[in-house]
Amino acid sequence: MAGIYLHIPFCKKRCIYCDFFSTTRKEQKTAYIRALCHELTDRKDYLKGEPIETIYLGGGTPSQLAKEDFEAIFSHIYKVYKVTPNAEITLEANPDDLTSEYISMLRTFPFNRISMGIQTFQETTLKQLQRRHTADQAIRAFQGCRTAGFQNISIDLMYGLPGETLTSWKKDLKQALSLHPEHISAYHLIYEEGTPLWKLREQHKVEEADEDLSVSLFGTLIDELTTAGYEHYEISNFCLPGLHSRHNSSYWTDKQYLGCGPSAHSYNGISRQWNVASLDKYIEGISSGNPTFEVEELDLYTRYNDFVITHIRTQWGMPLPKLGKQYGEELYKYCLHMATPHLQQGTLEIKNDTLKLTRKGVFISDGIMSDMLWAE
């Protein structure tokens, strides 16, 4: 099984923290959709005929697309690829786009999962981040999707936001849980270099959350959501039983995927490939038959490092027999040697021949993964 990711780069305006490739140039949308459909057709052999079990429209803001855009995209996908009957098909959406009319239109397409970028329910923080929606709009958009029949809704939250306290974070979590979403993704705010938020911090106009507060916010997140019955299946992701994001999980379980659109990444088991992060160059390259992209061939040690980074971050952990079989005795022994201090400290554990983070280890997962990576 394989997946398809489509990058939809259009936004009404950019949030001050965002480092993903996006643009506010909506006048390019028609030419872009045409190029995207061409790429889908041109790269039909990339996945070697594997059935498509997940399709994910991310961005940017995919909910900026209109009915005719979705018609073009899905007609190409279903014409060129074999999509499984129970495929998970996700649309990322901003709450203010999800009017009752727009939601009704979405129901005419194969979407069966909505991923809603809410980030916070604190009005002042939403304005500070230059989010377009209000808390009330987010709640009404969620309820509108539910009423329209969407039974798999994910919401995105952020913590470590400027001025955030443990009390305000608990309020966000309480409000989120009152909606009963099937899935919650929660990410610590990152000050990406070059973003407006990064510049505000450099000018001492906002302060980054300190480490103690960040640890407390993350611990509260885990406690509140697991108590409410959610599985903590990946460092930043929680779901009701059986409702993990199948598409995102494919990134962590070594499944192949095709990424189309500017800046989109693809993986076929032996190499990674990514498109140019420029709307003009992307459209020009696809239209001329000379797409602009880069390829990285993956040697044994790079694939081992990818295996560590992707598997250890999930509740399923790193299966040690698979590690030995795919990467050989040298890397198997190396991994266990580097894991030993963490096993002794109780931040890693081995259960059923699987190496996993413990609750204690989740808080320092970046350091643990870094220790286990192969370095020349």
Protein backbone atom coordinates (compact mmCIF):
# COMPACT_ATOMS: atom_id res chain seq x y z
CA MET A 1 0.00 0.00 0.00
CA ALA A 2 1.12 3.57 -0.65
CA GLY A 3 -0.03 7.16 -0.16
CA ILE A 4 -0.30 10.40 -2.10
CA TYR A 5 0.40 13.82 -0.60
CA LEU A 6 -0.71 16.94 -2.48
CA HIS A 7 0.73 20.27 -1.40
CA ILE A 8 -1.77 23.11 -1.82
CA PRO A 9 0.34 26.23 -1.27
CA PHE A 10 -2.34 28.94 -1.24
CA CYS A 11 -3.19 30.99 1.85
CA LYS A 12 -5.29 34.13 2.32
CA LYS A 13 -2.45 35.38 4.50
CA ARG A 14 0.53 33.79 6.20
CA CYS A 15 0.61 33.12 9.94
CA ILE A 16 3.59 34.72 11.68
CA TYR A 17 5.08 31.38 12.78
CA CYS A 18 4.71 29.42 9.54
CA ASP A 19 7.80 28.08 7.76
CA PHE A 20 5.99 25.84 5.25
CA PHE A 21 6.07 26.83 1.60
CA SER A 22 2.98 28.90 0.83
CA THR A 23 1.87 31.90 -1.16
CA THR A 24 -0.97 34.42 -1.16
CA ARG A 25 -0.92 34.66 -4.98
CA LYS A 26 -4.34 33.19 -5.72
CA GLU A 27 -4.19 34.37 -9.34
CA GLN A 28 -1.85 31.43 -9.99
CA LYS A 29 -4.35 28.84 -8.79
CA THR A 30 -5.73 27.75 -12.17
CA ALA A 31 -2.26 27.28 -13.65
CA TYR A 32 -1.19 25.46 -10.50
CA ILE A 33 -4.07 22.98 -10.52
CA ARG A 34 -3.31 22.24 -14.16
CA ALA A 35 0.37 21.60 -13.34
CA LEU A 36 -0.54 19.46 -10.31
CA CYS A 37 -2.77 17.24 -12.44
CA HIS A 38 0.02 16.93 -15.02
CA GLU A 39 2.46 15.85 -12.31
CA LEU A 40 0.02 13.26 -11.01
CA THR A 41 -0.16 11.79 -14.51
CA ASP A 42 3.55 12.13 -15.32
CA ARG A 43 4.62 10.34 -12.14
CA LYS A 44 2.09 7.51 -12.26
CA ASP A 45 4.87 4.90 -12.28
CA TYR A 46 6.70 6.26 -9.21
CA LEU A 47 4.79 3.95 -6.84
CA LYS A 48 5.03 0.99 -9.23
CA GLY A 49 1.32 0.32 -9.30
CA GLU A 50 0.91 0.03 -5.52
CA PRO A 51 -2.70 0.54 -4.42
CA ILE A 52 -3.29 3.96 -2.85
CA GLU A 53 -4.62 3.67 0.68
CA THR A 54 -4.22 7.30 1.80
CA ILE A 55 -4.57 10.68 0.09
CA TYR A 56 -3.70 13.84 2.01
CA LEU A 57 -4.22 17.44 0.86
CA GLY A 58 -1.98 19.63 2.99
CA GLY A 59 -0.65 23.13 2.75
CA GLY A 60 -0.78 26.00 2.74
CA THR A 61 -4.54 26.04 3.05
CA PRO A 62 -6.25 23.34 0.95
CA SER A 63 -9.64 24.70 1.99
CA GLN A 64 -8.89 27.66 -0.29
CA LEU A 65 -9.68 25.38 -3.25
CA ALA A 66 -13.04 25.48 -5.01
CA LYS A 67 -15.32 22.71 -6.24
CA GLU A 68 -13.85 22.74 -9.76
CA ASP A 69 -10.34 22.35 -8.32
CA PHE A 70 -11.30 19.24 -6.39
CA GLU A 71 -13.09 17.87 -9.46
CA ALA A 72 -9.91 18.18 -11.53
CA ILE A 73 -7.72 16.66 -8.82
CA PHE A 74 -9.88 13.65 -8.03
CA SER A 75 -10.68 12.88 -11.66
CA HIS A 76 -6.94 12.62 -12.34
CA ILE A 77 -6.19 10.55 -9.24
CA TYR A 78 -8.96 8.03 -9.85
CA LYS A 79 -8.16 7.82 -13.55
CA VAL A 80 -4.44 7.20 -13.07
CA TYR A 81 -4.16 5.37 -9.73
CA LYS A 82 -5.83 2.41 -8.08
CA VAL A 83 -7.40 3.83 -4.91
CA THR A 84 -8.57 1.28 -2.34
CA PRO A 85 -12.29 1.41 -1.45
CA ASN A 86 -11.56 2.23 2.21
CA ALA A 87 -8.82 4.79 1.52
CA GLU A 88 -8.33 7.52 4.11
CA ILE A 89 -8.73 10.86 2.28
CA THR A 90 -7.87 13.93 4.36
CA LEU A 91 -8.35 17.64 3.77
CA GLU A 92 -6.52 20.18 5.90
CA ALA A 93 -8.83 23.15 6.50
CA ASN A 94 -8.96 26.50 8.26
CA PRO A 95 -12.06 26.99 10.41
CA ASP A 96 -13.11 30.26 8.72
CA ASP A 97 -13.27 28.49 5.35
CA LEU A 98 -15.64 25.84 6.65
CA THR A 99 -18.98 27.52 6.05
CA SER A 100 -22.05 25.30 5.84
CA GLU A 101 -22.03 25.71 2.05
CA TYR A 102 -18.35 24.77 1.77
CA ILE A 103 -18.79 21.73 4.03
CA SER A 104 -21.76 20.57 1.93
CA MET A 105 -19.60 20.88 -1.19
CA LEU A 106 -16.84 18.81 0.44
CA ARG A 107 -19.33 16.01 1.10
CA THR A 108 -19.74 15.55 -2.66
CA PHE A 109 -16.10 14.40 -2.84
CA PRO A 110 -14.38 11.33 -1.35
CA PHE A 111 -13.08 13.21 1.71
CA ASN A 112 -13.67 11.16 4.85
CA ARG A 113 -11.31 12.97 7.23
CA ILE A 114 -10.94 16.66 8.08
CA SER A 115 -7.83 18.05 9.77
CA MET A 116 -8.69 21.44 11.22
CA GLY A 117 -6.00 23.97 12.13
CA ILE A 118 -7.37 25.56 15.31
CA GLN A 119 -4.08 26.09 17.27
CA THR A 120 -5.72 27.76 20.29
CA PHE A 121 -9.08 28.92 21.58
CA GLN A 122 -7.55 32.05 23.19
CA GLU A 123 -8.79 35.06 21.22
CA THR A 124 -5.88 37.39 21.96
CA THR A 125 -3.36 34.72 20.98
CA LEU A 126 -5.20 33.95 17.74
CA LYS A 127 -4.94 37.62 16.81
CA GLN A 128 -1.30 37.77 17.82
CA LEU A 129 -0.50 34.76 15.61
CA GLN A 130 -2.50 36.42 12.80
CA ARG A 131 -4.84 33.47 12.54
CA ARG A 132 -7.92 34.34 10.46
CA HIS A 133 -10.51 32.64 12.65
CA THR A 134 -11.99 33.24 16.07
CA ALA A 135 -12.50 30.60 18.75
CA ASP A 136 -16.25 30.69 18.10
CA GLN A 137 -15.69 30.13 14.38
CA ALA A 138 -13.51 27.11 15.15
CA ILE A 139 -16.16 25.56 17.38
CA ARG A 140 -18.94 26.21 14.87
CA ALA A 141 -16.82 24.84 12.00
CA PHE A 142 -16.15 21.65 13.93
CA GLN A 143 -19.83 21.23 14.77
CA GLY A 144 -20.76 21.95 11.15
CA CYS A 145 -18.46 19.19 9.91
CA ARG A 146 -19.90 16.79 12.45
CA THR A 147 -23.49 17.67 11.52
CA ALA A 148 -22.66 17.16 7.83
CA GLY A 149 -21.57 13.59 8.59
CA PHE A 150 -17.80 13.73 8.99
CA GLN A 151 -17.00 11.03 11.53
CA ASN A 152 -13.22 11.42 11.54
CA ILE A 153 -12.13 14.94 12.51
CA SER A 154 -8.67 15.93 13.69
CA ILE A 155 -7.79 19.24 15.29
CA ASP A 156 -4.37 20.87 15.53
CA LEU A 157 -3.33 22.66 18.70
CA MET A 158 -0.14 24.54 19.59
CA TYR A 159 1.44 25.11 22.99
CA GLY A 160 4.37 27.16 24.21
CA LEU A 161 2.64 30.18 22.67
CA PRO A 162 3.57 33.75 23.66
CA GLY A 163 2.11 34.57 27.05
CA GLU A 164 0.70 31.08 27.55
CA THR A 165 0.29 29.72 31.05
CA LEU A 166 -0.54 26.27 32.35
CA THR A 167 -4.03 27.57 33.17
CA SER A 168 -4.71 28.85 29.64
CA TRP A 169 -3.37 25.57 28.16
CA LYS A 170 -5.70 23.56 30.36
CA LYS A 171 -8.60 25.70 29.11
CA ASP A 172 -7.60 24.96 25.51
CA LEU A 173 -7.46 21.23 26.22
CA LYS A 174 -10.82 21.30 28.03
CA GLN A 175 -12.44 23.07 25.09
CA ALA A 176 -10.83 20.70 22.59
CA LEU A 177 -11.98 17.62 24.48
CA SER A 178 -15.53 18.97 24.76
CA LEU A 179 -15.75 18.70 20.96
CA HIS A 180 -14.87 14.96 21.09
CA PRO A 181 -12.55 14.93 18.03
CA GLU A 182 -11.29 11.56 16.88
CA HIS A 183 -7.73 12.87 16.67
CA ILE A 184 -5.66 15.67 18.20
CA SER A 185 -2.25 16.83 17.02
CA ALA A 186 -0.42 19.15 19.42
CA TYR A 187 2.86 20.83 18.56
CA HIS A 188 5.16 23.05 20.56
CA LEU A 189 5.59 26.42 18.89
CA ILE A 190 8.91 26.67 17.06
CA TYR A 191 10.53 30.00 16.32
CA GLU A 192 11.64 29.31 12.74
CA GLU A 193 14.42 31.56 11.52
CA GLY A 194 13.24 34.25 9.13
CA THR A 195 9.57 34.14 10.14
CA PRO A 196 7.89 37.27 11.54
CA LEU A 197 7.59 35.51 14.91
CA TRP A 198 11.33 34.84 14.98
CA LYS A 199 11.96 38.54 14.28
CA LEU A 200 9.60 39.55 17.09
CA ARG A 201 11.56 37.41 19.51
CA GLU A 202 14.85 38.91 18.29
CA GLN A 203 13.35 42.35 18.94
CA HIS A 204 12.32 41.19 22.46
CA LYS A 205 8.65 41.84 21.65
CA VAL A 206 7.69 38.26 22.53
CA GLU A 207 9.31 35.75 24.84
CA GLU A 208 9.82 32.06 24.17
CA ALA A 209 8.39 29.65 26.72
CA ASP A 210 11.11 28.45 29.09
CA GLU A 211 12.03 24.78 29.36
CA ASP A 212 10.27 24.17 32.67
CA LEU A 213 6.99 25.56 31.37
CA SER A 214 7.33 23.63 28.10
CA VAL A 215 7.83 20.36 30.00
CA SER A 216 4.85 21.14 32.20
CA LEU A 217 2.64 21.96 29.20
CA PHE A 218 3.65 18.73 27.44
CA GLY A 219 3.10 16.64 30.56
CA THR A 220 -0.34 18.16 31.04
CA LEU A 221 -1.17 17.43 27.41
CA ILE A 222 -0.30 13.75 27.83
CA ASP A 223 -2.15 13.44 31.16
CA GLU A 224 -5.33 15.19 30.04
CA LEU A 225 -5.66 13.37 26.74
CA THR A 226 -4.77 9.87 27.93
CA THR A 227 -7.15 10.28 30.87
CA ALA A 228 -9.85 11.17 28.34
CA GLY A 229 -9.22 7.90 26.48
CA TYR A 230 -6.86 9.02 23.73
CA GLU A 231 -3.87 6.92 22.68
CA HIS A 232 -0.55 8.78 22.61
CA TYR A 233 0.59 7.02 19.46
CA GLU A 234 3.28 9.46 18.31
CA ILE A 235 5.13 12.22 20.12
CA SER A 236 2.76 14.96 18.92
CA ASN A 237 -0.31 12.89 18.03
CA PHE A 238 -3.22 11.43 19.97
CA CYS A 239 -6.26 9.50 18.79
CA LEU A 240 -9.26 7.58 19.98
CA PRO A 241 -8.58 3.83 19.70
CA GLY A 242 -8.02 2.75 16.10
CA LEU A 243 -8.29 6.26 14.66
CA HIS A 244 -4.65 7.23 14.17
CA SER A 245 -3.81 9.18 11.02
CA ARG A 246 -3.15 6.41 8.54
CA HIS A 247 -1.43 8.80 6.14
CA ASN A 248 0.97 10.34 8.66
CA SER A 249 1.63 6.92 10.16
CA SER A 250 2.89 5.79 6.76
CA TYR A 251 5.79 8.25 7.16
CA TRP A 252 6.73 6.54 10.42
CA THR A 253 6.31 2.96 9.25
CA ASP A 254 8.40 2.99 6.07
CA LYS A 255 5.54 3.02 3.55
CA GLN A 256 6.08 4.57 0.15
CA TYR A 257 4.41 7.83 -0.81
CA LEU A 258 4.23 10.23 -3.73
CA GLY A 259 4.33 13.95 -3.04
CA CYS A 260 3.09 16.36 -5.72
CA GLY A 261 3.22 20.13 -5.73
CA PRO A 262 5.96 22.65 -4.85
CA SER A 263 8.18 21.54 -1.93
CA ALA A 264 6.39 18.16 -1.72
CA HIS A 265 8.53 15.14 -0.75
CA SER A 266 8.33 11.59 -2.11
CA TYR A 267 9.81 8.30 -0.92
CA ASN A 268 10.02 4.99 -2.80
CA GLY A 269 12.10 2.90 -0.41
CA ILE A 270 15.46 3.58 -2.03
CA SER A 271 15.50 7.37 -2.47
CA ARG A 272 13.88 10.59 -1.36
CA GLN A 273 12.79 13.22 -3.84
CA TRP A 274 11.49 16.73 -3.31
CA ASN A 275 10.11 19.37 -5.63
CA VAL A 276 11.35 22.93 -5.90
CA ALA A 277 9.89 25.28 -3.27
CA SER A 278 8.77 27.88 -5.81
CA LEU A 279 5.35 28.18 -7.38
CA ASP A 280 6.65 29.78 -10.58
CA LYS A 281 9.50 27.28 -11.06
CA TYR A 282 7.18 24.37 -10.26
CA ILE A 283 4.54 25.40 -12.82
CA GLU A 284 7.17 26.25 -15.44
CA GLY A 285 9.02 22.96 -14.95
CA ILE A 286 5.92 20.76 -15.12
CA SER A 287 4.52 22.67 -18.11
CA SER A 288 7.77 22.40 -20.08
CA GLY A 289 8.30 18.72 -19.26
CA ASN A 290 11.42 19.53 -17.23
CA PRO A 291 10.33 19.46 -13.58
CA THR A 292 12.70 20.93 -11.01
CA PHE A 293 13.41 18.56 -8.14
CA GLU A 294 16.23 17.03 -6.10
CA VAL A 295 16.89 13.37 -5.33
CA GLU A 296 18.80 11.78 -2.47
CA GLU A 297 19.79 8.14 -2.90
CA LEU A 298 19.64 6.44 0.48
CA ASP A 299 22.61 4.32 1.51
CA LEU A 300 22.42 1.73 4.30
CA TYR A 301 23.40 4.13 7.07
CA THR A 302 20.99 6.86 5.98
CA ARG A 303 18.17 4.32 5.84
CA TYR A 304 19.15 3.09 9.31
CA ASN A 305 19.01 6.66 10.65
CA ASP A 306 15.60 7.14 9.06
CA PHE A 307 14.44 3.89 10.65
CA VAL A 308 15.51 5.11 14.09
CA ILE A 309 13.96 8.58 13.76
CA THR A 310 10.64 7.40 12.39
CA HIS A 311 10.02 4.27 14.45
CA ILE A 312 11.18 5.29 17.92
CA ARG A 313 8.79 8.25 18.00
CA THR A 314 5.68 6.04 17.86
CA GLN A 315 3.87 3.80 20.32
CA TRP A 316 4.73 0.88 18.04
CA GLY A 317 8.44 1.44 18.63
CA MET A 318 11.38 -0.09 16.82
CA PRO A 319 11.02 -3.85 16.11
CA LEU A 320 14.47 -5.26 16.82
CA PRO A 321 14.18 -8.37 14.56
CA LYS A 322 13.32 -6.05 11.65
CA LEU A 323 16.26 -3.82 12.56
CA GLY A 324 18.68 -6.74 12.42
CA LYS A 325 17.22 -8.22 9.26
CA GLN A 326 17.16 -4.97 7.25
CA TYR A 327 20.35 -3.29 8.46
CA GLY A 328 22.67 -6.10 9.51
CA GLU A 329 24.47 -7.16 12.68
CA GLU A 330 26.83 -4.18 12.83
CA LEU A 331 24.05 -1.60 13.01
CA TYR A 332 21.92 -3.85 15.21
CA LYS A 333 24.70 -4.04 17.82
CA TYR A 334 25.49 -0.34 17.41
CA CYS A 335 21.86 0.61 18.07
CA LEU A 336 21.62 -1.50 21.22
CA HIS A 337 24.98 -0.22 22.44
CA MET A 338 23.88 3.40 22.06
CA ALA A 339 20.50 2.61 23.61
CA THR A 340 22.00 0.95 26.70
CA PRO A 341 22.44 4.13 28.82
CA HIS A 342 18.83 5.07 28.11
CA LEU A 343 17.64 1.58 28.98
CA GLN A 344 19.51 1.85 32.27
CA GLN A 345 18.04 5.28 32.96
CA GLY A 346 14.51 4.11 32.22
CA THR A 347 13.94 6.38 29.23
CA LEU A 348 13.87 3.42 26.83
CA GLU A 349 12.51 -0.09 27.35
CA ILE A 350 12.40 -3.36 25.40
CA LYS A 351 9.06 -5.16 25.29
CA ASN A 352 8.28 -8.07 22.98
CA ASP A 353 11.54 -7.54 21.04
CA THR A 354 10.58 -3.90 20.45
CA LEU A 355 12.59 -0.87 21.57
CA LYS A 356 10.29 1.90 22.83
CA LEU A 357 10.34 5.23 24.59
CA THR A 358 9.00 5.21 28.13
CA ARG A 359 6.83 8.03 29.45
CA LYS A 360 10.01 9.52 30.91
CA GLY A 361 11.79 9.15 27.58
CA VAL A 362 9.14 10.96 25.55
CA PHE A 363 10.23 14.24 27.17
CA ILE A 364 13.80 13.87 25.89
CA SER A 365 13.08 11.94 22.71
CA ASP A 366 15.16 14.20 20.45
CA GLY A 367 18.29 13.52 22.47
CA ILE A 368 17.64 9.78 22.59
CA MET A 369 17.13 9.56 18.84
CA SER A 370 20.24 11.64 18.25
CA ASP A 371 22.32 9.28 20.38
CA MET A 372 21.24 6.24 18.37
CA LEU A 373 21.94 7.74 14.95
CA TRP A 374 24.93 6.53 13.00
CA ALA A 375 27.63 9.16 12.67
CA GLU A 376 30.82 8.71 10.67
